[in-house]
Amino acid sequence: MVQRREPTARQVRLGVELRRLREAAGLTGAQAAALLGANRVQISHIELGLTGVSEERLRRLASHYACVDQEFIEAMVKMATERTQGWWEEYRGLLPTSFMDLSELDHHAAFQRDVAILYVPGLLQTEEYARAVFSSRLPELTPDELELRVSHRMKRQAEVDFPHEIVIHESALRMRVGDRAASQAQLIRLLELSETGRITLRVIPFDLDGFAMASSTMTYVGGPVPKLDTVSRDAPHGSVFLDSEAQLNTYRTRFHKVEDVSLEPDRSGDFINRLLKEL
C-alpha cells in the first residue's frame, strides 16, 4: 500500500491497537512480519498508521495475536476498511490537523462526556461565544483564520448526533468570554440544548462540596467498543488524545465522581436560569 504522508488520528489509533495486541502476545515486529510473509518495516508502518492493512491481513494478525474479542476485531476491521471522506476535508490544509482529528473523532463517536471548568464546551458554544474564545488566542489570528475556526466549530455542531453528557462548573457559566449579550445568549443556548433530549447538562456550583475530582477539563468520547474509547485534552499545540486502558479507566472514574457531586439536570436548569436573571 502507498505510504501516507500524514495519517489521521483514527489511522494511527488502529496501528496502536495492533501494536498493543502484538506486544500482549509476546511477539516482536519481525516475528509478526514472518507470520504474514512480510518484513519488519511493513509491520512497523502498519503500527504507525503510515500504511493501511487489508481486512484479510488484519484478521490473520488478530488470530496470530490470540485476540478472541470479536466485537473488537470487527470494530478494527471497520476502521481499516472504511473510506470516509468527511465534511472536514474541506478544511484540510487551512486549519491545523488537530481540527480534522477532532471532527473525525466526532463522526465516529457513540457518545461524549465533558467536564468543563473555564469555558462552555465547543460543541455547545454559540457563534458569538466561539468567536470570542478564538479571538483571545495568542498569537492573534488573522481575520481569515478566525472565521475559518468559527466556521469549522459551527459545522462540527451541525454534524454531530450522539448522546452528550456535560458537567459544567459555575465558573464557566459566569466567565465573560465576550460581552454581556454574548453571555446571555450562551446561557439561553445551554437551556435550549438541555431540552432537546440529546444532551444531559449538570452544573457544579461554587458552594457544592466534593469538587476535588473536577479539577480539570476533559472530553471522553465513546467508541464502538470500550477499548476504542478516547479522551481528548486541550494542549497549547492542539488536542491530545489519550487511549491506554489505564488512562481510559482513570477518566471514566473521574467523570462519574464529578457527575456524583453535580446538581441533577432539573436543578441545573434552574441554576442556569437564576444566573441568566443576574446578567
Protein backbone atom coordinates (compact mmCIF):
# COMPACT_ATOMS: atom_id res chain seq x y z
CA MET A 1 0.00 0.00 0.00
CA VAL A 2 1.05 3.59 -0.61
CA GLN A 3 2.68 5.19 2.42
CA ARG A 4 0.68 8.03 3.95
CA ARG A 5 2.37 11.37 4.48
CA GLU A 6 0.09 12.38 7.33
CA PRO A 7 -2.07 9.62 8.84
CA THR A 8 -5.23 10.67 10.63
CA ALA A 9 -5.71 10.09 14.35
CA ARG A 10 -8.08 7.21 13.53
CA GLN A 11 -5.47 5.54 11.31
CA VAL A 12 -2.83 5.98 13.99
CA ARG A 13 -5.18 4.51 16.60
CA LEU A 14 -5.70 1.36 14.54
CA GLY A 15 -1.94 0.89 14.34
CA VAL A 16 -1.57 1.46 18.07
CA GLU A 17 -4.18 -1.19 18.84
CA LEU A 18 -2.46 -3.71 16.58
CA ARG A 19 0.86 -3.00 18.29
CA ARG A 20 -0.74 -3.47 21.71
CA LEU A 21 -2.15 -6.83 20.63
CA ARG A 22 1.23 -7.91 19.27
CA GLU A 23 3.06 -6.92 22.44
CA ALA A 24 0.45 -8.64 24.61
CA ALA A 25 1.07 -11.81 22.56
CA GLY A 26 4.81 -11.51 23.27
CA LEU A 27 5.79 -11.20 19.61
CA THR A 28 8.40 -8.94 18.06
CA GLY A 29 7.75 -6.94 14.91
CA ALA A 30 9.95 -9.33 12.98
CA GLN A 31 8.01 -12.34 14.23
CA ALA A 32 4.68 -10.75 13.33
CA ALA A 33 6.02 -9.93 9.86
CA ALA A 34 7.10 -13.54 9.34
CA LEU A 35 3.58 -14.73 10.11
CA LEU A 36 2.28 -12.57 7.25
CA GLY A 37 5.13 -13.28 4.87
CA ALA A 38 6.02 -9.59 5.14
CA ASN A 39 9.02 -7.72 6.52
CA ARG A 40 9.53 -5.88 9.80
CA VAL A 41 9.36 -2.45 8.13
CA GLN A 42 5.89 -3.24 6.78
CA ILE A 43 4.65 -4.16 10.25
CA SER A 44 6.24 -1.01 11.66
CA HIS A 45 4.48 1.15 9.05
CA ILE A 46 1.13 -0.51 9.78
CA GLU A 47 1.55 0.06 13.52
CA LEU A 48 2.47 3.71 12.94
CA GLY A 49 -0.55 4.26 10.71
CA LEU A 50 1.72 5.08 7.78
CA THR A 51 0.22 2.32 5.64
CA GLY A 52 -3.14 0.61 5.72
CA VAL A 53 -3.88 -3.03 6.34
CA SER A 54 -6.36 -5.21 4.46
CA GLU A 55 -9.22 -6.97 6.22
CA GLU A 56 -7.66 -10.36 5.47
CA ARG A 57 -4.30 -9.37 6.95
CA LEU A 58 -5.89 -7.73 9.98
CA ARG A 59 -7.89 -10.86 10.77
CA ARG A 60 -4.79 -13.01 10.37
CA LEU A 61 -2.86 -10.78 12.75
CA ALA A 62 -5.68 -10.86 15.30
CA SER A 63 -5.68 -14.66 15.10
CA HIS A 64 -1.91 -14.88 15.48
CA TYR A 65 -2.16 -12.50 18.44
CA ALA A 66 -4.79 -14.77 20.05
CA CYS A 67 -7.37 -11.99 20.16
CA VAL A 68 -10.80 -13.56 20.76
CA ASP A 69 -12.78 -10.35 21.28
CA GLN A 70 -14.91 -10.50 18.13
CA GLU A 71 -16.58 -7.11 18.66
CA PHE A 72 -13.16 -5.51 18.97
CA ILE A 73 -11.90 -7.27 15.84
CA GLU A 74 -14.96 -6.20 13.83
CA ALA A 75 -14.51 -2.60 15.02
CA MET A 76 -10.88 -2.66 13.89
CA VAL A 77 -11.87 -4.14 10.53
CA LYS A 78 -14.26 -1.23 10.05
CA MET A 79 -11.50 1.22 10.95
CA ALA A 80 -9.21 -0.44 8.40
CA THR A 81 -11.67 -0.67 5.52
CA GLU A 82 -13.93 2.36 5.88
CA ARG A 83 -13.03 5.12 3.43
CA THR A 84 -14.62 8.18 5.00
CA GLN A 85 -14.22 11.49 3.20
CA GLY A 86 -15.91 13.65 5.80
CA TRP A 87 -17.08 17.24 5.64
CA TRP A 88 -13.92 18.29 7.49
CA GLU A 89 -11.75 17.57 4.44
CA GLU A 90 -12.70 20.99 3.06
CA TYR A 91 -10.70 22.50 5.93
CA ARG A 92 -7.61 20.32 5.48
CA GLY A 93 -4.59 22.49 4.75
CA LEU A 94 -6.46 25.54 6.04
CA LEU A 95 -6.63 24.61 9.74
CA PRO A 96 -4.25 22.64 11.99
CA THR A 97 -4.51 18.86 11.73
CA SER A 98 -5.93 18.66 15.26
CA PHE A 99 -9.17 20.24 13.97
CA MET A 100 -9.51 17.41 11.41
CA ASP A 101 -8.79 14.78 14.06
CA LEU A 102 -11.49 16.17 16.39
CA SER A 103 -14.02 16.19 13.57
CA GLU A 104 -13.20 12.59 12.66
CA LEU A 105 -13.49 11.60 16.32
CA ASP A 106 -16.94 13.26 16.48
CA HIS A 107 -18.05 11.48 13.33
CA HIS A 108 -17.40 8.02 14.75
CA ALA A 109 -18.42 8.73 18.35
CA ALA A 110 -21.06 6.65 20.11
CA PHE A 111 -21.39 9.22 22.92
CA GLN A 112 -19.47 12.05 24.53
CA ARG A 113 -18.93 13.21 28.12
CA ASP A 114 -17.46 16.59 29.02
CA VAL A 115 -16.25 18.22 32.20
CA ALA A 116 -15.91 21.99 31.65
CA ILE A 117 -14.28 24.33 34.16
CA LEU A 118 -13.48 27.63 32.42
CA TYR A 119 -15.30 27.57 29.08
CA VAL A 120 -18.50 26.14 27.66
CA PRO A 121 -17.58 23.04 25.57
CA GLY A 122 -17.06 23.78 21.88
CA LEU A 123 -19.98 21.66 20.71
CA LEU A 124 -22.37 23.82 22.79
CA GLN A 125 -20.99 27.27 22.00
CA THR A 126 -22.90 29.99 20.19
CA GLU A 127 -21.17 31.57 17.23
CA GLU A 128 -20.53 34.77 19.20
CA TYR A 129 -19.07 32.84 22.12
CA ALA A 130 -16.84 30.76 19.83
CA ARG A 131 -15.60 33.89 18.08
CA ALA A 132 -14.73 35.47 21.43
CA VAL A 133 -12.84 32.33 22.51
CA PHE A 134 -10.78 32.21 19.33
CA SER A 135 -10.21 35.98 19.44
CA SER A 136 -8.40 35.59 22.76
CA ARG A 137 -5.85 33.21 21.25
CA LEU A 138 -2.15 34.11 21.27
CA PRO A 139 -0.56 34.72 18.87
CA GLU A 140 -3.54 36.56 17.47
CA LEU A 141 -5.33 35.07 14.49
CA THR A 142 -5.85 36.93 11.25
CA PRO A 143 -9.49 37.70 10.37
CA ASP A 144 -9.49 34.84 7.84
CA GLU A 145 -8.02 32.37 10.34
CA LEU A 146 -10.56 33.42 12.94
CA GLU A 147 -13.53 32.97 10.60
CA LEU A 148 -12.26 29.55 9.47
CA ARG A 149 -12.12 28.34 13.07
CA VAL A 150 -15.57 29.68 13.86
CA SER A 151 -16.97 28.16 10.67
CA HIS A 152 -15.42 24.78 11.50
CA ARG A 153 -16.81 24.83 15.03
CA MET A 154 -20.33 25.63 13.85
CA LYS A 155 -20.10 22.88 11.23
CA ARG A 156 -19.00 20.38 13.91
CA GLN A 157 -22.09 21.23 15.93
CA ALA A 158 -24.38 20.75 12.94
CA GLU A 159 -22.94 17.34 12.09
CA VAL A 160 -22.80 15.59 15.46
CA ASP A 161 -25.65 13.36 16.57
CA PHE A 162 -24.81 11.37 19.69
CA PRO A 163 -25.84 11.36 23.36
CA HIS A 164 -23.86 14.06 25.13
CA GLU A 165 -23.40 14.39 28.90
CA ILE A 166 -21.87 17.61 30.22
CA VAL A 167 -20.84 18.63 33.72
CA ILE A 168 -20.04 22.32 33.75
CA HIS A 169 -18.71 24.37 36.65
CA GLU A 170 -20.27 27.66 37.67
CA SER A 171 -17.01 29.42 36.80
CA ALA A 172 -17.51 28.54 33.10
CA LEU A 173 -21.09 29.80 33.22
CA ARG A 174 -20.09 33.11 34.79
CA MET A 175 -16.97 33.70 32.68
CA ARG A 176 -17.48 36.78 30.47
CA VAL A 177 -15.81 35.41 27.35
CA GLY A 178 -17.50 38.09 25.25
CA ASP A 179 -19.84 40.89 26.30
CA ARG A 180 -22.99 40.69 28.42
CA ALA A 181 -25.23 39.96 25.43
CA ALA A 182 -22.99 37.10 24.31
CA SER A 183 -23.02 35.64 27.81
CA GLN A 184 -26.81 35.82 27.99
CA ALA A 185 -27.17 34.21 24.57
CA GLN A 186 -24.83 31.42 25.60
CA LEU A 187 -26.81 30.60 28.74
CA ILE A 188 -30.04 30.60 26.75
CA ARG A 189 -28.42 28.27 24.23
CA LEU A 190 -27.47 25.84 27.01
CA LEU A 191 -31.04 25.81 28.30
CA GLU A 192 -32.41 25.18 24.82
CA LEU A 193 -29.99 22.32 24.19
CA SER A 194 -30.78 20.71 27.53
CA GLU A 195 -34.42 20.43 26.43
CA THR A 196 -33.67 18.51 23.23
CA GLY A 197 -33.30 15.15 24.97
CA ARG A 198 -29.92 14.50 23.37
CA ILE A 199 -27.94 16.50 25.91
CA THR A 200 -27.79 15.96 29.67
CA LEU A 201 -26.45 19.05 31.43
CA ARG A 202 -25.33 19.17 35.05
CA VAL A 203 -23.87 22.10 36.97
CA ILE A 204 -21.37 22.28 39.82
CA PRO A 205 -21.98 25.48 41.85
CA PHE A 206 -19.12 27.16 43.69
CA ASP A 207 -20.59 26.20 47.07
CA LEU A 208 -21.03 22.48 46.35
CA ASP A 209 -18.85 20.10 48.37
CA GLY A 210 -16.71 17.30 46.93
CA PHE A 211 -15.28 19.16 43.94
CA ALA A 212 -11.71 17.81 44.16
CA MET A 213 -12.11 15.30 41.30
CA ALA A 214 -13.30 18.01 38.88
CA SER A 215 -10.07 19.95 38.88
CA SER A 216 -9.51 19.88 35.11
CA THR A 217 -11.35 19.90 31.81
CA MET A 218 -11.83 16.61 29.98
CA THR A 219 -13.69 15.20 26.99
CA TYR A 220 -14.43 11.47 26.97
CA VAL A 221 -15.53 10.08 23.61
CA GLY A 222 -17.10 6.65 23.34
CA GLY A 223 -16.00 4.34 20.55
CA PRO A 224 -17.85 1.36 19.02
CA VAL A 225 -16.41 -0.78 21.85
CA PRO A 226 -14.98 0.44 25.19
CA LYS A 227 -11.42 -0.46 24.13
CA LEU A 228 -11.69 2.17 21.40
CA ASP A 229 -12.86 5.00 23.66
CA THR A 230 -10.73 8.16 23.60
CA VAL A 231 -10.03 11.02 25.99
CA SER A 232 -9.33 14.40 24.39
CA ARG A 233 -7.39 17.01 26.34
CA ASP A 234 -6.55 20.52 25.20
CA ALA A 235 -2.86 21.42 24.94
CA PRO A 236 -1.03 24.57 23.73
CA HIS A 237 -0.30 22.92 20.35
CA GLY A 238 -3.76 21.38 19.89
CA SER A 239 -5.76 18.43 21.16
CA VAL A 240 -4.02 15.43 22.73
CA PHE A 241 -5.69 12.02 22.57
CA LEU A 242 -5.30 9.52 25.42
CA ASP A 243 -6.34 5.93 24.88
CA SER A 244 -4.43 3.45 27.04
CA GLU A 245 -6.55 1.15 29.18
CA ALA A 246 -5.22 2.72 32.39
CA GLN A 247 -5.94 6.26 31.15
CA LEU A 248 -9.44 5.37 30.00
CA ASN A 249 -10.26 3.73 33.33
CA THR A 250 -8.97 6.79 35.19
CA TYR A 251 -11.10 9.21 33.19
CA ARG A 252 -14.19 7.01 33.32
CA THR A 253 -13.89 7.05 37.11
CA ARG A 254 -13.15 10.77 37.15
CA PHE A 255 -16.25 11.62 35.14
CA HIS A 256 -18.56 9.54 37.33
CA LYS A 257 -17.14 11.08 40.50
CA VAL A 258 -17.64 14.57 39.10
CA GLU A 259 -21.15 13.63 38.00
CA ASP A 260 -21.93 12.40 41.51
CA VAL A 261 -21.16 15.79 43.08
CA SER A 262 -23.05 17.84 40.47
CA LEU A 263 -26.65 19.04 40.54
CA GLU A 264 -29.34 16.93 38.91
CA PRO A 265 -30.36 18.13 35.39
CA ASP A 266 -33.59 19.82 36.56
CA ARG A 267 -31.83 21.70 39.35
CA SER A 268 -29.02 22.57 36.93
CA GLY A 269 -31.54 24.17 34.57
CA ASP A 270 -32.97 26.19 37.45
CA PHE A 271 -29.45 27.25 38.42
CA ILE A 272 -28.67 28.49 34.89
CA ASN A 273 -31.98 30.37 34.81
CA ARG A 274 -31.01 32.17 38.03
CA LEU A 275 -27.64 33.13 36.56
CA LEU A 276 -29.38 34.42 33.45
CA LYS A 277 -31.55 36.72 35.55
CA GLU A 278 -28.46 38.11 37.26
CA LEU A 279 -26.85 39.22 33.99
